[in-house]
All heavy atoms as atom14 arrays in JSON, in Angstrom:
{
  "sequence": "PAFSIDERFRARGVGDLHSHVYENGWEHTVLDEARAFFEA",
  "atom14_mask": [
    [1, 1, 1, 1, 1, 1, 1, 0, 0, 0, 0, 0, 0, 0],
    [1, 1, 1, 1, 1, 0, 0, 0, 0, 0, 0, 0, 0, 0],
    [1, 1, 1, 1, 1, 1, 1, 1, 1, 1, 1, 0, 0, 0],
    [1, 1, 1, 1, 1, 1, 0, 0, 0, 0, 0, 0, 0, 0],
    [1, 1, 1, 1, 1, 1, 1, 1, 0, 0, 0, 0, 0, 0],
    [1, 1, 1, 1, 1, 1, 1, 1, 0, 0, 0, 0, 0, 0],
    [1, 1, 1, 1, 1, 1, 1, 1, 1, 0, 0, 0, 0, 0],
    [1, 1, 1, 1, 1, 1, 1, 1, 1, 1, 1, 0, 0, 0],
    [1, 1, 1, 1, 1, 1, 1, 1, 1, 1, 1, 0, 0, 0],
    [1, 1, 1, 1, 1, 1, 1, 1, 1, 1, 1, 0, 0, 0],
    [1, 1, 1, 1, 1, 0, 0, 0, 0, 0, 0, 0, 0, 0],
    [1, 1, 1, 1, 1, 1, 1, 1, 1, 1, 1, 0, 0, 0],
    [1, 1, 1, 1, 0, 0, 0, 0, 0, 0, 0, 0, 0, 0],
    [1, 1, 1, 1, 1, 1, 1, 0, 0, 0, 0, 0, 0, 0],
    [1, 1, 1, 1, 0, 0, 0, 0, 0, 0, 0, 0, 0, 0],
    [1, 1, 1, 1, 1, 1, 1, 1, 0, 0, 0, 0, 0, 0],
    [1, 1, 1, 1, 1, 1, 1, 1, 0, 0, 0, 0, 0, 0],
    [1, 1, 1, 1, 1, 1, 1, 1, 1, 1, 0, 0, 0, 0],
    [1, 1, 1, 1, 1, 1, 0, 0, 0, 0, 0, 0, 0, 0],
    [1, 1, 1, 1, 1, 1, 1, 1, 1, 1, 0, 0, 0, 0],
    [1, 1, 1, 1, 1, 1, 1, 0, 0, 0, 0, 0, 0, 0],
    [1, 1, 1, 1, 1, 1, 1, 1, 1, 1, 1, 1, 0, 0],
    [1, 1, 1, 1, 1, 1, 1, 1, 1, 0, 0, 0, 0, 0],
    [1, 1, 1, 1, 1, 1, 1, 1, 0, 0, 0, 0, 0, 0],
    [1, 1, 1, 1, 0, 0, 0, 0, 0, 0, 0, 0, 0, 0],
    [1, 1, 1, 1, 1, 1, 1, 1, 1, 1, 1, 1, 1, 1],
    [1, 1, 1, 1, 1, 1, 1, 1, 1, 0, 0, 0, 0, 0],
    [1, 1, 1, 1, 1, 1, 1, 1, 1, 1, 0, 0, 0, 0],
    [1, 1, 1, 1, 1, 1, 1, 0, 0, 0, 0, 0, 0, 0],
    [1, 1, 1, 1, 1, 1, 1, 0, 0, 0, 0, 0, 0, 0],
    [1, 1, 1, 1, 1, 1, 1, 1, 0, 0, 0, 0, 0, 0],
    [1, 1, 1, 1, 1, 1, 1, 1, 0, 0, 0, 0, 0, 0],
    [1, 1, 1, 1, 1, 1, 1, 1, 1, 0, 0, 0, 0, 0],
    [1, 1, 1, 1, 1, 0, 0, 0, 0, 0, 0, 0, 0, 0],
    [1, 1, 1, 1, 1, 1, 1, 1, 1, 1, 1, 0, 0, 0],
    [1, 1, 1, 1, 1, 0, 0, 0, 0, 0, 0, 0, 0, 0],
    [1, 1, 1, 1, 1, 1, 1, 1, 1, 1, 1, 0, 0, 0],
    [1, 1, 1, 1, 1, 1, 1, 1, 1, 1, 1, 0, 0, 0],
    [1, 1, 1, 1, 1, 1, 1, 1, 1, 0, 0, 0, 0, 0],
    [1, 1, 1, 1, 1, 0, 0, 0, 0, 0, 0, 0, 0, 0]
  ],
  "atom14_positions": [
    [[11.8, 5.96, 10.98], [10.44, 6.46, 11.06], [9.43, 5.33, 10.86], [9.74, 4.32, 10.22], [10.35, 7.47, 9.92], [11.31, 6.96, 8.9], [12.44, 6.3, 9.69], [0.0, 0.0, 0.0], [0.0, 0.0, 0.0], [0.0, 0.0, 0.0], [0.0, 0.0, 0.0], [0.0, 0.0, 0.0], [0.0, 0.0, 0.0], [0.0, 0.0, 0.0]],
    [[8.24, 5.52, 11.39], [7.19, 4.51, 11.23], [6.72, 4.49, 9.77], [6.53, 5.54, 9.16], [6.01, 4.82, 12.15], [0.0, 0.0, 0.0], [0.0, 0.0, 0.0], [0.0, 0.0, 0.0], [0.0, 0.0, 0.0], [0.0, 0.0, 0.0], [0.0, 0.0, 0.0], [0.0, 0.0, 0.0], [0.0, 0.0, 0.0], [0.0, 0.0, 0.0]],
    [[6.6, 3.31, 9.23], [6.14, 3.12, 7.86], [4.63, 3.27, 7.81], [3.92, 2.73, 8.65], [6.53, 1.73, 7.37], [6.06, 1.39, 5.99], [6.78, 1.78, 4.88], [4.88, 0.68, 5.81], [6.35, 1.45, 3.6], [4.44, 0.34, 4.54], [5.18, 0.72, 3.43], [0.0, 0.0, 0.0], [0.0, 0.0, 0.0], [0.0, 0.0, 0.0]],
    [[4.14, 4.01, 6.81], [2.7, 4.16, 6.6], [2.37, 3.91, 5.14], [2.72, 4.72, 4.27], [2.24, 5.57, 7.0], [0.89, 5.77, 6.59], [0.0, 0.0, 0.0], [0.0, 0.0, 0.0], [0.0, 0.0, 0.0], [0.0, 0.0, 0.0], [0.0, 0.0, 0.0], [0.0, 0.0, 0.0], [0.0, 0.0, 0.0], [0.0, 0.0, 0.0]],
    [[1.7, 2.82, 4.86], [1.3, 2.5, 3.5], [0.28, 3.52, 3.0], [0.28, 3.88, 1.82], [0.79, 1.05, 3.37], [0.77, 0.6, 1.89], [-0.56, 0.88, 4.02], [2.12, 0.37, 1.29], [0.0, 0.0, 0.0], [0.0, 0.0, 0.0], [0.0, 0.0, 0.0], [0.0, 0.0, 0.0], [0.0, 0.0, 0.0], [0.0, 0.0, 0.0]],
    [[-0.58, 4.0, 3.89], [-1.57, 5.03, 3.51], [-0.87, 6.27, 2.98], [-1.23, 6.8, 1.92], [-2.47, 5.4, 4.69], [-3.38, 4.26, 5.13], [-3.94, 3.57, 4.25], [-3.53, 4.07, 6.35], [0.0, 0.0, 0.0], [0.0, 0.0, 0.0], [0.0, 0.0, 0.0], [0.0, 0.0, 0.0], [0.0, 0.0, 0.0], [0.0, 0.0, 0.0]],
    [[0.14, 6.74, 3.7], [0.87, 7.94, 3.28], [1.57, 7.7, 1.95], [1.59, 8.59, 1.09], [1.89, 8.34, 4.34], [1.28, 8.93, 5.58], [2.3, 9.24, 6.66], [3.54, 9.2, 6.38], [1.89, 9.54, 7.79], [0.0, 0.0, 0.0], [0.0, 0.0, 0.0], [0.0, 0.0, 0.0], [0.0, 0.0, 0.0], [0.0, 0.0, 0.0]],
    [[2.14, 6.55, 1.76], [2.86, 6.25, 0.51], [1.91, 6.28, -0.68], [2.26, 6.81, -1.73], [3.53, 4.89, 0.62], [4.57, 4.85, 1.72], [5.86, 4.48, 1.18], [6.86, 4.53, 2.24], [8.05, 4.06, 2.11], [8.41, 3.5, 0.98], [8.91, 4.16, 3.08], [0.0, 0.0, 0.0], [0.0, 0.0, 0.0], [0.0, 0.0, 0.0]],
    [[0.73, 5.7, -0.53], [-0.22, 5.69, -1.65], [-0.86, 7.06, -1.86], [-1.12, 7.45, -2.99], [-1.27, 4.59, -1.45], [-0.81, 3.26, -1.99], [0.01, 2.44, -1.24], [-1.18, 2.84, -3.26], [0.46, 1.22, -1.73], [-0.75, 1.63, -3.77], [0.07, 0.82, -3.01], [0.0, 0.0, 0.0], [0.0, 0.0, 0.0], [0.0, 0.0, 0.0]],
    [[-1.11, 7.79, -0.78], [-1.64, 9.16, -0.93], [-0.66, 10.02, -1.71], [-1.06, 10.84, -2.54], [-1.94, 9.79, 0.43], [-3.35, 9.54, 0.92], [-3.75, 10.48, 2.04], [-2.84, 10.51, 3.17], [-2.87, 9.68, 4.2], [-3.79, 8.74, 4.26], [-2.01, 9.78, 5.17], [0.0, 0.0, 0.0], [0.0, 0.0, 0.0], [0.0, 0.0, 0.0]],
    [[0.63, 9.85, -1.46], [1.66, 10.62, -2.17], [1.65, 10.31, -3.66], [2.09, 11.14, -4.47], [3.04, 10.32, -1.58], [0.0, 0.0, 0.0], [0.0, 0.0, 0.0], [0.0, 0.0, 0.0], [0.0, 0.0, 0.0], [0.0, 0.0, 0.0], [0.0, 0.0, 0.0], [0.0, 0.0, 0.0], [0.0, 0.0, 0.0], [0.0, 0.0, 0.0]],
    [[1.12, 9.16, -4.04], [1.01, 8.79, -5.45], [-0.37, 9.09, -6.02], [-0.71, 8.66, -7.12], [1.33, 7.31, -5.62], [2.78, 7.02, -5.29], [3.29, 5.7, -5.82], [2.4, 4.57, -5.67], [2.68, 3.49, -4.96], [3.81, 3.41, -4.29], [1.85, 2.49, -4.92], [0.0, 0.0, 0.0], [0.0, 0.0, 0.0], [0.0, 0.0, 0.0]],
    [[-1.19, 9.79, -5.22], [-2.5, 10.21, -5.72], [-3.64, 9.24, -5.47], [-4.73, 9.43, -6.0], [0.0, 0.0, 0.0], [0.0, 0.0, 0.0], [0.0, 0.0, 0.0], [0.0, 0.0, 0.0], [0.0, 0.0, 0.0], [0.0, 0.0, 0.0], [0.0, 0.0, 0.0], [0.0, 0.0, 0.0], [0.0, 0.0, 0.0], [0.0, 0.0, 0.0]],
    [[-3.42, 8.22, -4.66], [-4.48, 7.28, -4.33], [-5.21, 7.8, -3.11], [-4.64, 7.86, -2.02], [-3.92, 5.86, -4.07], [-5.02, 4.92, -3.61], [-3.22, 5.33, -5.31], [0.0, 0.0, 0.0], [0.0, 0.0, 0.0], [0.0, 0.0, 0.0], [0.0, 0.0, 0.0], [0.0, 0.0, 0.0], [0.0, 0.0, 0.0], [0.0, 0.0, 0.0]],
    [[-6.47, 8.19, -3.28], [-7.22, 8.77, -2.18], [-7.83, 7.73, -1.26], [-7.87, 7.91, -0.05], [0.0, 0.0, 0.0], [0.0, 0.0, 0.0], [0.0, 0.0, 0.0], [0.0, 0.0, 0.0], [0.0, 0.0, 0.0], [0.0, 0.0, 0.0], [0.0, 0.0, 0.0], [0.0, 0.0, 0.0], [0.0, 0.0, 0.0], [0.0, 0.0, 0.0]],
    [[-8.33, 6.65, -1.82], [-8.99, 5.6, -1.03], [-8.21, 4.3, -1.21], [-8.42, 3.56, -2.17], [-10.44, 5.44, -1.5], [-11.2, 4.4, -0.69], [-10.6, 3.74, 0.19], [-12.41, 4.24, -0.95], [0.0, 0.0, 0.0], [0.0, 0.0, 0.0], [0.0, 0.0, 0.0], [0.0, 0.0, 0.0], [0.0, 0.0, 0.0], [0.0, 0.0, 0.0]],
    [[-7.31, 4.06, -0.29], [-6.43, 2.89, -0.38], [-7.22, 1.59, -0.38], [-6.92, 0.68, -1.15], [-5.4, 2.9, 0.76], [-4.43, 1.72, 0.79], [-3.66, 1.61, -0.52], [-3.49, 1.85, 1.96], [0.0, 0.0, 0.0], [0.0, 0.0, 0.0], [0.0, 0.0, 0.0], [0.0, 0.0, 0.0], [0.0, 0.0, 0.0], [0.0, 0.0, 0.0]],
    [[-8.24, 1.5, 0.45], [-9.01, 0.25, 0.53], [-9.64, -0.09, -0.82], [-9.55, -1.23, -1.29], [-10.06, 0.33, 1.63], [-9.46, 0.25, 3.0], [-10.14, -0.29, 4.05], [-8.27, 0.63, 3.49], [-9.38, -0.24, 5.14], [-8.24, 0.31, 4.81], [0.0, 0.0, 0.0], [0.0, 0.0, 0.0], [0.0, 0.0, 0.0], [0.0, 0.0, 0.0]],
    [[-10.28, 0.88, -1.44], [-10.88, 0.65, -2.76], [-9.82, 0.27, -3.77], [-10.02, -0.62, -4.6], [-11.64, 1.9, -3.23], [-12.74, 2.14, -2.4], [0.0, 0.0, 0.0], [0.0, 0.0, 0.0], [0.0, 0.0, 0.0], [0.0, 0.0, 0.0], [0.0, 0.0, 0.0], [0.0, 0.0, 0.0], [0.0, 0.0, 0.0], [0.0, 0.0, 0.0]],
    [[-8.69, 0.93, -3.72], [-7.59, 0.67, -4.64], [-7.1, -0.77, -4.5], [-6.83, -1.45, -5.49], [-6.46, 1.67, -4.39], [-5.35, 1.62, -5.36], [-5.46, 2.07, -6.66], [-4.07, 1.16, -5.24], [-4.31, 1.89, -7.28], [-3.45, 1.34, -6.45], [0.0, 0.0, 0.0], [0.0, 0.0, 0.0], [0.0, 0.0, 0.0], [0.0, 0.0, 0.0]],
    [[-6.99, -1.23, -3.27], [-6.56, -2.61, -3.01], [-7.56, -3.59, -3.61], [-7.17, -4.53, -4.31], [-6.36, -2.85, -1.49], [-6.24, -4.33, -1.18], [-5.15, -2.08, -0.99], [0.0, 0.0, 0.0], [0.0, 0.0, 0.0], [0.0, 0.0, 0.0], [0.0, 0.0, 0.0], [0.0, 0.0, 0.0], [0.0, 0.0, 0.0], [0.0, 0.0, 0.0]],
    [[-8.86, -3.37, -3.37], [-9.88, -4.27, -3.91], [-9.91, -4.23, -5.44], [-10.02, -5.28, -6.09], [-11.26, -3.93, -3.35], [-11.46, -4.4, -1.94], [-11.66, -3.48, -0.9], [-11.47, -5.76, -1.62], [-11.85, -3.91, 0.4], [-11.66, -6.19, -0.31], [-11.85, -5.26, 0.69], [-12.04, -5.69, 1.98], [0.0, 0.0, 0.0], [0.0, 0.0, 0.0]],
    [[-9.8, -3.05, -6.0], [-9.84, -2.91, -7.47], [-8.69, -3.65, -8.14], [-8.81, -4.09, -9.28], [-9.78, -1.43, -7.85], [-11.06, -0.67, -7.54], [-10.89, 0.84, -7.59], [-9.81, 1.34, -7.98], [-11.86, 1.54, -7.21], [0.0, 0.0, 0.0], [0.0, 0.0, 0.0], [0.0, 0.0, 0.0], [0.0, 0.0, 0.0], [0.0, 0.0, 0.0]],
    [[-7.58, -3.8, -7.44], [-6.41, -4.46, -8.0], [-6.26, -5.92, -7.56], [-5.28, -6.58, -7.93], [-5.15, -3.67, -7.65], [-5.06, -2.4, -8.45], [-4.71, -2.44, -9.63], [-5.4, -1.27, -7.85], [0.0, 0.0, 0.0], [0.0, 0.0, 0.0], [0.0, 0.0, 0.0], [0.0, 0.0, 0.0], [0.0, 0.0, 0.0], [0.0, 0.0, 0.0]],
    [[-7.22, -6.41, -6.77], [-7.18, -7.81, -6.34], [-6.07, -8.13, -5.36], [-5.55, -9.24, -5.33], [0.0, 0.0, 0.0], [0.0, 0.0, 0.0], [0.0, 0.0, 0.0], [0.0, 0.0, 0.0], [0.0, 0.0, 0.0], [0.0, 0.0, 0.0], [0.0, 0.0, 0.0], [0.0, 0.0, 0.0], [0.0, 0.0, 0.0], [0.0, 0.0, 0.0]],
    [[-5.71, -7.15, -4.53], [-4.6, -7.32, -3.58], [-5.06, -7.62, -2.15], [-4.27, -7.54, -1.21], [-3.75, -6.05, -3.53], [-3.11, -5.65, -4.81], [-2.78, -6.44, -5.86], [-2.7, -4.33, -5.16], [-2.18, -5.71, -6.85], [-2.12, -4.4, -6.45], [-2.76, -3.09, -4.53], [-1.62, -3.28, -7.1], [-2.25, -1.98, -5.18], [-1.68, -2.08, -6.45]],
    [[-6.32, -7.98, -1.98], [-6.84, -8.08, -0.62], [-6.27, -9.22, 0.23], [-6.32, -9.16, 1.44], [-8.37, -8.12, -0.6], [-9.01, -9.17, -1.46], [-9.3, -8.73, -2.88], [-8.51, -7.98, -3.48], [-10.34, -9.14, -3.4], [0.0, 0.0, 0.0], [0.0, 0.0, 0.0], [0.0, 0.0, 0.0], [0.0, 0.0, 0.0], [0.0, 0.0, 0.0]],
    [[-5.7, -10.22, -0.37], [-5.15, -11.34, 0.41], [-3.64, -11.48, 0.23], [-3.1, -12.59, 0.25], [-5.85, -12.65, 0.01], [-7.32, -12.62, 0.27], [-7.85, -12.65, 1.54], [-8.37, -12.51, -0.57], [-9.16, -12.58, 1.46], [-9.5, -12.49, 0.2], [0.0, 0.0, 0.0], [0.0, 0.0, 0.0], [0.0, 0.0, 0.0], [0.0, 0.0, 0.0]],
    [[-2.99, -10.34, 0.05], [-1.55, -10.36, -0.17], [-0.87, -9.25, 0.62], [-1.51, -8.31, 1.08], [-1.2, -10.13, -1.66], [-1.65, -8.82, -2.03], [-1.85, -11.15, -2.56], [0.0, 0.0, 0.0], [0.0, 0.0, 0.0], [0.0, 0.0, 0.0], [0.0, 0.0, 0.0], [0.0, 0.0, 0.0], [0.0, 0.0, 0.0], [0.0, 0.0, 0.0]],
    [[0.43, -9.39, 0.76], [1.25, -8.32, 1.3], [1.6, -7.43, 0.1], [2.11, -7.92, -0.91], [2.54, -8.86, 1.96], [3.46, -7.73, 2.37], [2.18, -9.74, 3.16], [0.0, 0.0, 0.0], [0.0, 0.0, 0.0], [0.0, 0.0, 0.0], [0.0, 0.0, 0.0], [0.0, 0.0, 0.0], [0.0, 0.0, 0.0], [0.0, 0.0, 0.0]],
    [[1.31, -6.14, 0.2], [1.59, -5.23, -0.9], [3.1, -5.19, -1.16], [3.91, -5.17, -0.23], [1.07, -3.83, -0.59], [-0.45, -3.72, -0.36], [-0.84, -2.27, -0.11], [-1.23, -4.3, -1.52], [0.0, 0.0, 0.0], [0.0, 0.0, 0.0], [0.0, 0.0, 0.0], [0.0, 0.0, 0.0], [0.0, 0.0, 0.0], [0.0, 0.0, 0.0]],
    [[3.46, -5.18, -2.42], [4.88, -5.23, -2.81], [5.69, -4.13, -2.15], [6.82, -4.37, -1.7], [5.02, -5.12, -4.33], [4.53, -6.36, -5.06], [4.4, -7.43, -4.43], [4.28, -6.26, -6.28], [0.0, 0.0, 0.0], [0.0, 0.0, 0.0], [0.0, 0.0, 0.0], [0.0, 0.0, 0.0], [0.0, 0.0, 0.0], [0.0, 0.0, 0.0]],
    [[5.15, -2.93, -2.09], [5.89, -1.81, -1.51], [6.17, -2.04, -0.03], [7.27, -1.74, 0.45], [5.11, -0.51, -1.71], [5.87, 0.71, -1.28], [5.23, 2.01, -1.75], [4.36, 1.99, -2.61], [5.64, 3.06, -1.23], [0.0, 0.0, 0.0], [0.0, 0.0, 0.0], [0.0, 0.0, 0.0], [0.0, 0.0, 0.0], [0.0, 0.0, 0.0]],
    [[5.19, -2.56, 0.68], [5.39, -2.85, 2.11], [6.4, -3.98, 2.29], [7.29, -3.9, 3.14], [4.06, -3.2, 2.76], [0.0, 0.0, 0.0], [0.0, 0.0, 0.0], [0.0, 0.0, 0.0], [0.0, 0.0, 0.0], [0.0, 0.0, 0.0], [0.0, 0.0, 0.0], [0.0, 0.0, 0.0], [0.0, 0.0, 0.0], [0.0, 0.0, 0.0]],
    [[6.25, -5.03, 1.5], [7.19, -6.16, 1.62], [8.62, -5.69, 1.37], [9.54, -6.01, 2.14], [6.85, -7.29, 0.66], [7.82, -8.47, 0.8], [7.47, -9.63, -0.08], [6.22, -10.26, 0.28], [6.04, -11.11, 1.3], [7.06, -11.42, 2.07], [4.87, -11.65, 1.52], [0.0, 0.0, 0.0], [0.0, 0.0, 0.0], [0.0, 0.0, 0.0]],
    [[8.82, -4.92, 0.33], [10.17, -4.44, 0.0], [10.73, -3.59, 1.14], [11.9, -3.74, 1.52], [10.14, -3.65, -1.3], [0.0, 0.0, 0.0], [0.0, 0.0, 0.0], [0.0, 0.0, 0.0], [0.0, 0.0, 0.0], [0.0, 0.0, 0.0], [0.0, 0.0, 0.0], [0.0, 0.0, 0.0], [0.0, 0.0, 0.0], [0.0, 0.0, 0.0]],
    [[9.9, -2.71, 1.69], [10.36, -1.85, 2.79], [10.75, -2.69, 4.0], [11.85, -2.53, 4.54], [9.28, -0.84, 3.18], [9.69, 0.03, 4.33], [10.42, 1.18, 4.13], [9.36, -0.33, 5.64], [10.82, 1.98, 5.2], [9.76, 0.46, 6.72], [10.49, 1.61, 6.5], [0.0, 0.0, 0.0], [0.0, 0.0, 0.0], [0.0, 0.0, 0.0]],
    [[9.86, -3.57, 4.44], [10.12, -4.33, 5.66], [11.23, -5.36, 5.49], [11.99, -5.63, 6.42], [8.84, -4.95, 6.19], [7.87, -3.95, 6.76], [6.57, -3.87, 6.3], [8.26, -3.07, 7.76], [5.67, -2.95, 6.82], [7.38, -2.14, 8.3], [6.09, -2.08, 7.82], [0.0, 0.0, 0.0], [0.0, 0.0, 0.0], [0.0, 0.0, 0.0]],
    [[11.33, -5.96, 4.3], [12.43, -6.91, 4.08], [13.78, -6.21, 4.14], [14.75, -6.74, 4.66], [12.26, -7.64, 2.76], [11.23, -8.75, 2.83], [11.06, -9.5, 1.52], [11.55, -9.04, 0.46], [10.43, -10.57, 1.56], [0.0, 0.0, 0.0], [0.0, 0.0, 0.0], [0.0, 0.0, 0.0], [0.0, 0.0, 0.0], [0.0, 0.0, 0.0]],
    [[13.85, -5.0, 3.57], [15.12, -4.27, 3.53], [15.45, -3.56, 4.84], [16.6, -3.17, 5.07], [15.08, -3.24, 2.4], [0.0, 0.0, 0.0], [0.0, 0.0, 0.0], [0.0, 0.0, 0.0], [0.0, 0.0, 0.0], [0.0, 0.0, 0.0], [0.0, 0.0, 0.0], [0.0, 0.0, 0.0], [0.0, 0.0, 0.0], [0.0, 0.0, 0.0]]
  ]
}
């Protein structure tokens, strides 16, 4: 199935993924969850 980071974060209760990324300082990185999925 196609991977969707939006769906994964919504399932954890994150409504606004973009704001969440900025709030956590992840804007210039590959998110750990995505990296783990695609590497595996």
